[in-house]
C-alpha atoms as a PDB file:
ATOM      1  CA  MET A   1     -65.099  39.362  12.574  1.00  0.00           C
ATOM      2  CA  LEU A   2     -68.428  41.000  13.147  1.00  0.00           C
ATOM      3  CA  LEU A   3     -68.633  42.700   9.552  1.00  0.00           C
ATOM      4  CA  THR A   4     -67.116  39.287   8.192  1.00  0.00           C
ATOM      5  CA  VAL A   5     -70.214  37.407   9.284  1.00  0.00           C
ATOM      6  CA  LEU A   6     -72.681  39.971   7.869  1.00  0.00           C
ATOM      7  CA  ALA A   7     -71.302  40.156   4.725  1.00  0.00           C
ATOM      8  CA  ALA A   8     -71.321  36.381   4.070  1.00  0.00           C
ATOM      9  CA  GLY A   9     -74.990  37.094   5.621  1.00  0.00           C
ATOM     10  CA  PRO A  10     -77.404  39.208   6.035  1.00  0.00           C
ATOM     11  CA  LEU A  11     -74.842  42.051   4.057  1.00  0.00           C
ATOM     12  CA  GLN A  12     -75.123  40.093   0.764  1.00  0.00           C
ATOM     13  CA  HIS A  13     -78.441  41.757   0.042  1.00  0.00           C
ATOM     14  CA  LEU A  14     -77.274  45.138   0.308  1.00  0.00           C
ATOM     15  CA  ASP A  15     -74.064  44.668  -1.762  1.00  0.00           C
ATOM     16  CA  ILE A  16     -76.031  43.114  -4.823  1.00  0.00           C
ATOM     17  CA  HIS A  17     -78.636  45.832  -4.641  1.00  0.00           C
ATOM     18  CA  GLY A  18     -76.325  48.390  -3.730  1.00  0.00           C
ATOM     19  CA  HIS A  19     -73.799  47.537  -6.396  1.00  0.00           C
ATOM     20  CA  GLU A  20     -73.598  49.009  -9.825  1.00  0.00           C
ATOM     21  CA  TYR A  21     -70.722  50.676 -12.440  1.00  0.00           C
ATOM     22  CA  TRP A  22     -71.881  54.281 -11.526  1.00  0.00           C
ATOM     23  CA  ALA A  23     -68.639  55.541 -13.499  1.00  0.00           C
ATOM     24  CA  ARG A  24     -70.248  54.498 -16.814  1.00  0.00           C
ATOM     25  CA  MET A  25     -72.511  56.803 -16.536  1.00  0.00           C
ATOM     26  CA  LEU A  26     -70.069  59.851 -15.875  1.00  0.00           C
ATOM     27  CA  PRO A  27     -68.236  61.761 -18.899  1.00  0.00           C
ATOM     28  CA  PRO A  28     -65.200  59.391 -20.187  1.00  0.00           C
ATOM     29  CA  GLU A  29     -62.814  62.178 -18.613  1.00  0.00           C
ATOM     30  CA  ALA A  30     -64.428  61.679 -15.540  1.00  0.00           C
ATOM     31  CA  HIS A  31     -64.216  57.769 -15.681  1.00  0.00           C
ATOM     32  CA  HIS A  32     -60.238  58.176 -17.179  1.00  0.00           C
ATOM     33  CA  VAL A  33     -59.397  60.217 -14.208  1.00  0.00           C
ATOM     34  CA  LEU A  34     -61.103  57.771 -11.832  1.00  0.00           C
ATOM     35  CA  GLN A  35     -59.387  55.036 -13.169  1.00  0.00           C
ATOM     36  CA  HIS A  36     -55.683  56.109 -14.198  1.00  0.00           C
ATOM     37  CA  VAL A  37     -55.306  58.672 -11.173  1.00  0.00           C
ATOM     38  CA  LEU A  38     -57.200  58.478  -8.238  1.00  0.00           C
ATOM     39  CA  ASP A  39     -57.602  54.975  -8.249  1.00  0.00           C
ATOM     40  CA  PRO A  40     -53.591  54.135  -8.483  1.00  0.00           C
ATOM     41  CA  ILE A  41     -52.790  56.283  -5.602  1.00  0.00           C
ATOM     42  CA  ALA A  42     -53.985  53.814  -2.838  1.00  0.00           C
ATOM     43  CA  GLY A  43     -51.940  50.952  -4.976  1.00  0.00           C
ATOM     44  CA  GLN A  44     -48.371  49.738  -4.546  1.00  0.00           C
ATOM     45  CA  ALA A  45     -47.065  51.419  -7.342  1.00  0.00           C
ATOM     46  CA  VAL A  46     -47.790  54.672  -5.699  1.00  0.00           C
ATOM     47  CA  CYS A  47     -47.977  54.262  -2.121  1.00  0.00           C
ATOM     48  CA  LEU A  48     -44.812  51.998  -1.447  1.00  0.00           C
ATOM     49  CA  PRO A  49     -42.285  54.072  -2.891  1.00  0.00           C
ATOM     50  CA  VAL A  50     -43.940  56.973  -0.680  1.00  0.00           C
ATOM     51  CA  LEU A  51     -43.397  54.236   2.280  1.00  0.00           C
ATOM     52  CA  ILE A  52     -40.127  53.459   1.111  1.00  0.00           C
ATOM     53  CA  THR A  53     -38.858  57.098   1.029  1.00  0.00           C
ATOM     54  CA  VAL A  54     -39.858  57.735   4.241  1.00  0.00           C
ATOM     55  CA  ALA A  55     -38.028  54.711   5.925  1.00  0.00           C
ATOM     56  CA  VAL A  56     -34.772  55.024   4.034  1.00  0.00           C
ATOM     57  CA  VAL A  57     -34.659  58.823   4.692  1.00  0.00           C
ATOM     58  CA  ILE A  58     -35.437  58.663   8.457  1.00  0.00           C
ATOM     59  CA  ALA A  59     -33.360  55.312   8.775  1.00  0.00           C
ATOM     60  CA  VAL A  60     -30.446  57.452   7.294  1.00  0.00           C
ATOM     61  CA  ARG A  61     -30.928  60.627   9.648  1.00  0.00           C
ATOM     62  CA  ARG A  62     -31.061  58.646  12.552  1.00  0.00           C
ATOM     63  CA  ARG A  63     -28.819  55.591  11.677  1.00  0.00           C
ATOM     64  CA  SER A  64     -30.970  53.188  12.812  1.00  0.00           C
ATOM     65  CA  TRP A  65     -32.558  49.879  10.973  1.00  0.00           C
ATOM     66  CA  ARG A  66     -35.697  50.392  12.803  1.00  0.00           C
ATOM     67  CA  PRO A  67     -37.686  52.308  10.012  1.00  0.00           C
ATOM     68  CA  ILE A  68     -36.566  50.422   7.542  1.00  0.00           C
ATOM     69  CA  ILE A  69     -37.733  46.904   9.362  1.00  0.00           C
ATOM     70  CA  CYS A  70     -41.184  49.010  10.243  1.00  0.00           C
ATOM     71  CA  ALA A  71     -41.682  49.169   6.464  1.00  0.00           C
ATOM     72  CA  VAL A  72     -40.583  45.883   5.403  1.00  0.00           C
ATOM     73  CA  ALA A  73     -43.294  44.630   8.039  1.00  0.00           C
ATOM     74  CA  ALA A  74     -46.309  46.760   7.132  1.00  0.00           C
ATOM     75  CA  GLU A  75     -45.358  45.044   3.747  1.00  0.00           C
ATOM     76  CA  VAL A  76     -45.216  41.680   4.685  1.00  0.00           C
ATOM     77  CA  ALA A  77     -48.044  41.879   6.697  1.00  0.00           C
ATOM     78  CA  PHE A  78     -50.303  43.156   3.776  1.00  0.00           C
ATOM     79  CA  TYR A  79     -49.346  40.234   1.728  1.00  0.00           C
ATOM     80  CA  LEU A  80     -49.908  38.037   4.762  1.00  0.00           C
ATOM     81  CA  GLY A  81     -52.989  39.536   6.346  1.00  0.00           C
ATOM     82  CA  VAL A  82     -54.856  40.962   3.667  1.00  0.00           C
ATOM     83  CA  GLY A  83     -53.547  38.562   0.655  1.00  0.00           C
ATOM     84  CA  GLY A  84     -54.313  35.494   2.686  1.00  0.00           C
ATOM     85  CA  THR A  85     -57.480  36.520   4.179  1.00  0.00           C
ATOM     86  CA  LYS A  86     -58.676  37.363   0.058  1.00  0.00           C
ATOM     87  CA  VAL A  87     -57.479  33.900  -1.054  1.00  0.00           C
ATOM     88  CA  LEU A  88     -58.814  31.803   2.334  1.00  0.00           C
ATOM     89  CA  LEU A  89     -62.016  33.405   1.699  1.00  0.00           C
ATOM     90  CA  ALA A  90     -62.287  33.548  -2.216  1.00  0.00           C
ATOM     91  CA  ARG A  91     -65.347  36.408  -2.571  1.00  0.00           C
ATOM     92  CA  PRO A  92     -65.593  36.723  -6.252  1.00  0.00           C
ATOM     93  CA  ALA A  93     -65.735  40.442  -7.357  1.00  0.00           C
ATOM     94  CA  PRO A  94     -68.629  42.171  -8.603  1.00  0.00           C
ATOM     95  CA  THR A  95     -67.400  41.081 -12.290  1.00  0.00           C
ATOM     96  CA  GLU A  96     -68.178  37.625 -11.328  1.00  0.00           C
ATOM     97  CA  ARG A  97     -71.895  38.408 -10.317  1.00  0.00           C
ATOM     98  CA  ASP A  98     -71.374  36.459  -7.638  1.00  0.00           C
ATOM     99  CA  ALA A  99     -71.363  37.870  -3.694  1.00  0.00           C
ATOM    100  CA  GLU A 100     -70.999  34.882  -1.889  1.00  0.00           C
ATOM    101  CA  PHE A 101     -67.706  33.541   0.091  1.00  0.00           C
ATOM    102  CA  PHE A 102     -65.814  30.932  -0.777  1.00  0.00           C
ATOM    103  CA  ALA A 103     -67.227  30.865  -4.536  1.00  0.00           C
ATOM    104  CA  GLY A 104     -64.713  32.208  -6.206  1.00  0.00           C
ATOM    105  CA  GLY A 105     -60.873  31.807  -6.034  1.00  0.00           C
ATOM    106  CA  LEU A 106     -57.311  32.984  -7.170  1.00  0.00           C
ATOM    107  CA  LEU A 107     -56.525  29.707  -9.491  1.00  0.00           C
ATOM    108  CA  LYS A 108     -60.554  29.514 -10.410  1.00  0.00           C
ATOM    109  CA  ASP A 109     -61.138  33.372 -11.444  1.00  0.00           C
ATOM    110  CA  GLY A 110     -57.771  34.862 -11.005  1.00  0.00           C
ATOM    111  CA  TRP A 111     -57.948  38.452  -9.252  1.00  0.00           C
ATOM    112  CA  HIS A 112     -61.380  38.611  -9.975  1.00  0.00           C
ATOM    113  CA  GLY A 113     -61.886  35.646  -7.256  1.00  0.00           C
ATOM    114  CA  ILE A 114     -60.658  37.159  -4.462  1.00  0.00           C
ATOM    115  CA  SER A 115     -62.395  40.604  -3.698  1.00  0.00           C
ATOM    116  CA  TYR A 116     -62.585  40.445   0.048  1.00  0.00           C
ATOM    117  CA  PRO A 117     -61.341  42.760   1.971  1.00  0.00           C
ATOM    118  CA  SER A 118     -60.243  45.180  -0.777  1.00  0.00           C
ATOM    119  CA  GLY A 119     -56.654  45.823  -0.967  1.00  0.00           C
ATOM    120  CA  HIS A 120     -56.876  49.394  -2.048  1.00  0.00           C
ATOM    121  CA  ALA A 121     -58.705  50.285   1.362  1.00  0.00           C
ATOM    122  CA  ALA A 122     -56.394  48.276   3.165  1.00  0.00           C
ATOM    123  CA  GLU A 123     -53.101  49.667   1.902  1.00  0.00           C
ATOM    124  CA  ALA A 124     -54.270  53.067   2.318  1.00  0.00           C
ATOM    125  CA  VAL A 125     -54.820  52.708   5.881  1.00  0.00           C
ATOM    126  CA  LEU A 126     -51.931  50.605   6.365  1.00  0.00           C
ATOM    127  CA  ILE A 127     -49.274  51.800   4.155  1.00  0.00           C
ATOM    128  CA  TYR A 128     -49.899  55.204   4.045  1.00  0.00           C
ATOM    129  CA  GLY A 129     -50.780  54.645   7.908  1.00  0.00           C
ATOM    130  CA  THR A 130     -47.173  53.396   8.533  1.00  0.00           C
ATOM    131  CA  ALA A 131     -45.374  56.126   6.889  1.00  0.00           C
ATOM    132  CA  VAL A 132     -47.337  58.768   9.239  1.00  0.00           C
ATOM    133  CA  TYR A 133     -46.594  56.582  11.881  1.00  0.00           C
ATOM    134  CA  LEU A 134     -42.343  56.646  11.153  1.00  0.00           C
ATOM    135  CA  ILE A 135     -42.621  60.926  10.674  1.00  0.00           C
ATOM    136  CA  ALA A 136     -44.629  60.657  14.160  1.00  0.00           C
ATOM    137  CA  ARG A 137     -42.101  58.345  16.168  1.00  0.00           C
ATOM    138  CA  TYR A 138     -39.084  59.031  14.691  1.00  0.00           C
ATOM    139  CA  THR A 139     -38.702  62.471  13.811  1.00  0.00           C
ATOM    140  CA  ALA A 140     -39.203  66.082  15.716  1.00  0.00           C
ATOM    141  CA  VAL A 141     -42.184  67.138  13.912  1.00  0.00           C
ATOM    142  CA  SER A 142     -45.129  68.608  15.390  1.00  0.00           C
ATOM    143  CA  ARG A 143     -48.437  67.691  16.501  1.00  0.00           C
ATOM    144  CA  SER A 144     -49.836  69.395  14.343  1.00  0.00           C
ATOM    145  CA  THR A 145     -47.801  68.453  11.679  1.00  0.00           C
ATOM    146  CA  VAL A 146     -48.799  64.615  12.350  1.00  0.00           C
ATOM    147  CA  ARG A 147     -52.663  65.465  12.605  1.00  0.00           C
ATOM    148  CA  VAL A 148     -52.481  67.044   9.230  1.00  0.00           C
ATOM    149  CA  LEU A 149     -50.729  63.822   8.009  1.00  0.00           C
ATOM    150  CA  GLY A 150     -52.837  61.512  10.111  1.00  0.00           C
ATOM    151  CA  VAL A 151     -56.035  63.758   7.744  1.00  0.00           C
ATOM    152  CA  GLY A 152     -54.116  63.210   4.565  1.00  0.00           C
ATOM    153  CA  VAL A 153     -54.375  59.210   5.439  1.00  0.00           C
ATOM    154  CA  GLY A 154     -57.897  59.976   5.850  1.00  0.00           C
ATOM    155  CA  VAL A 155     -58.726  61.355   2.686  1.00  0.00           C
ATOM    156  CA  ILE A 156     -56.695  58.617   0.597  1.00  0.00           C
ATOM    157  CA  ALA A 157     -58.318  55.868   2.270  1.00  0.00           C
ATOM    158  CA  LEU A 158     -62.182  57.742   1.309  1.00  0.00           C
ATOM    159  CA  ASN A 159     -60.666  58.401  -1.613  1.00  0.00           C
ATOM    160  CA  ALA A 160     -59.647  54.630  -2.546  1.00  0.00           C
ATOM    161  CA  VAL A 161     -63.114  53.835  -1.251  1.00  0.00           C
ATOM    162  CA  ALA A 162     -65.166  55.974  -3.065  1.00  0.00           C
ATOM    163  CA  VAL A 163     -62.939  55.435  -6.549  1.00  0.00           C
ATOM    164  CA  SER A 164     -63.255  51.208  -5.787  1.00  0.00           C
ATOM    165  CA  TYR A 165     -66.582  51.694  -5.297  1.00  0.00           C
ATOM    166  CA  THR A 166     -67.846  54.644  -8.187  1.00  0.00           C
ATOM    167  CA  LEU A 167     -65.407  52.074 -10.773  1.00  0.00           C
ATOM    168  CA  GLY A 168     -67.467  49.010  -9.496  1.00  0.00           C
ATOM    169  CA  TRP A 169     -64.710  46.885  -8.296  1.00  0.00           C
ATOM    170  CA  HIS A 170     -65.831  45.826  -4.989  1.00  0.00           C
ATOM    171  CA  TRP A 171     -68.734  45.026  -2.973  1.00  0.00           C
ATOM    172  CA  ALA A 172     -69.797  47.652  -0.138  1.00  0.00           C
ATOM    173  CA  SER A 173     -68.508  45.479   2.502  1.00  0.00           C
ATOM    174  CA  ASP A 174     -65.235  44.626   1.078  1.00  0.00           C
ATOM    175  CA  LEU A 175     -64.228  48.561   1.031  1.00  0.00           C
ATOM    176  CA  PHE A 176     -64.772  48.337   4.801  1.00  0.00           C
ATOM    177  CA  ALA A 177     -63.534  44.974   5.457  1.00  0.00           C
ATOM    178  CA  GLY A 178     -60.759  46.516   3.867  1.00  0.00           C
ATOM    179  CA  LEU A 179     -60.360  49.639   5.866  1.00  0.00           C
ATOM    180  CA  LEU A 180     -60.667  47.953   9.134  1.00  0.00           C
ATOM    181  CA  THR A 181     -57.899  44.777   8.186  1.00  0.00           C
ATOM    182  CA  GLY A 182     -55.624  47.848   7.239  1.00  0.00           C
ATOM    183  CA  GLY A 183     -56.698  49.903  10.468  1.00  0.00           C
ATOM    184  CA  LEU A 184     -56.283  45.978  12.433  1.00  0.00           C
ATOM    185  CA  LEU A 185     -52.460  45.409  11.136  1.00  0.00           C
ATOM    186  CA  LEU A 186     -51.589  49.223  11.514  1.00  0.00           C
ATOM    187  CA  ARG A 187     -52.290  49.503  14.987  1.00  0.00           C
ATOM    188  CA  LEU A 188     -50.647  45.382  15.496  1.00  0.00           C
ATOM    189  CA  LEU A 189     -47.670  47.354  13.726  1.00  0.00           C
ATOM    190  CA  VAL A 190     -48.033  50.033  16.102  1.00  0.00           C
ATOM    191  CA  TRP A 191     -47.753  47.988  19.221  1.00  0.00           C
ATOM    192  CA  TRP A 192     -45.181  45.297  18.068  1.00  0.00           C
ATOM    193  CA  ASP A 193     -42.658  48.301  17.450  1.00  0.00           C
ATOM    194  CA  THR A 194     -43.273  50.206  20.554  1.00  0.00           C
ATOM    195  CA  GLU A 195     -42.719  47.342  22.440  1.00  0.00           C
ATOM    196  CA  ALA A 196     -39.446  46.595  20.837  1.00  0.00           C
ATOM    197  CA  ILE A 197     -37.830  49.980  21.163  1.00  0.00           C
ATOM    198  CA  ALA A 198     -39.452  49.626  25.031  1.00  0.00           C
ATOM    199  CA  ARG A 199     -37.241  46.125  25.154  1.00  0.00           C
ATOM    200  CA  GLU A 200     -34.283  47.949  23.707  1.00  0.00           C
ATOM    201  CA  ARG A 201     -34.487  50.825  26.226  1.00  0.00           C
ATOM    202  CA  ALA A 202     -35.127  48.361  29.313  1.00  0.00           C
ATOM    203  CA  GLU A 203     -31.523  46.267  27.931  1.00  0.00           C
ATOM    204  CA  GLN A 204     -29.262  49.088  27.431  1.00  0.00           C
ATOM    205  CA  ASP A 205     -30.689  50.588  31.068  1.00  0.00           C
ATOM    206  CA  LEU A 206     -29.553  47.043  32.743  1.00  0.00           C
ATOM    207  CA  ALA A 207     -26.059  47.134  30.587  1.00  0.00           C
ATOM    208  CA  GLU A 208     -25.255  50.806  32.123  1.00  0.00           C
ATOM    209  CA  GLU A 209     -26.068  49.796  35.474  1.00  0.00           C
ATOM    210  CA  ARG A 210     -24.109  46.962  35.118  1.00  0.00           C
ATOM    211  CA  THR A 211     -21.016  48.955  33.981  1.00  0.00           C
ATOM    212  CA  ILE A 212     -21.808  51.858  36.773  1.00  0.00           C
ATOM    213  CA  VAL A 213     -22.130  49.094  39.407  1.00  0.00           C
ATOM    214  CA  PRO A 214     -18.451  47.744  39.651  1.00  0.00           C
ATOM    215  CA  ALA A 215     -16.972  50.978  38.812  1.00  0.00           C
ATOM    216  CA  SER A 216     -18.458  52.518  41.735  1.00  0.00           C
ATOM    217  CA  TYR A 217     -17.711  49.682  43.825  1.00  0.00           C
ATOM    218  CA  GLU A 218     -13.918  49.602  42.924  1.00  0.00           C
ATOM    219  CA  ARG A 219     -13.924  53.176  43.504  1.00  0.00           C
ATOM    220  CA  THR A 220     -14.834  52.890  47.079  1.00  0.00           C
ATOM    221  CA  GLU A 221     -12.509  50.172  47.896  1.00  0.00           C
ATOM    222  CA  LYS A 222      -9.959  52.117  47.045  1.00  0.00           C
ATOM    223  CA  LEU A 223     -10.674  55.297  49.395  1.00  0.00           C
ATOM    224  CA  ALA A 224     -11.036  52.185  51.728  1.00  0.00           C
ATOM    225  CA  ALA A 225      -7.681  51.513  51.287  1.00  0.00           C
END
C-alpha cells in the first residue's frame, strides 16, 4: 500500500526519468534473447504448465486433491489479485508515456493501460513460489533442496524484473509492486492451505476419539459383567 501511494505521487518523477528502452541499445540478437527467451519464463505459457505438472504429480502420488486445489487457488489469486488491481488502478504502460494512475484502462488502451503491478513479476513469485511450496509441504525432499528451489524462484523473479525493465515494458515501481503483490498472495495461499490442513487433522483426531471412547466403554462393561 505504501509503495502504491508513493508510485502515485513522489515516485512518478523517478519512474519517468529512469525509464528508457535500454534493449534498443543492444545488438538485435541480445534483444531477441531478452524478448523471446528470457521474458516468457515468467509468463503463463511457461510457469502455469510447471505448476500444473508439479501439482498433478504430487496429487497422484499422495492421492489427495490438495495440491491441485492449491494450484487452482494460486491461479485464481493471480487473476483476481493482480489482474483486479491492474484494472482498478488503470496505470498506463510506458508506451503511453503517462505514469499517472487512473489515466489508462483496459477498454481505453488495452493491455497497455493496465501496467501496475507487473504481472510477470507477480507470477514469478506467486506461481513458481506455489510450486516450491507444494514440493516442500507434500513431498519428502530435503531442506537443502527446498532452499535451492527457493533461490531458483528468486532468480526467476529478478530475471523478470531485469528483462521487463530493460525492454522498457514497465515503470520501475510496477515491477517492485509486482514482486510485493506476488509475495503477499503467496503468503496468504500458504496460510490458507496450512490452516485447512490443521482443521482436517483436528477433525480426524476428533472422529478417532469418538470411535475409540465408545469401544473402550463397551469393553469395560463386558469386564464388569
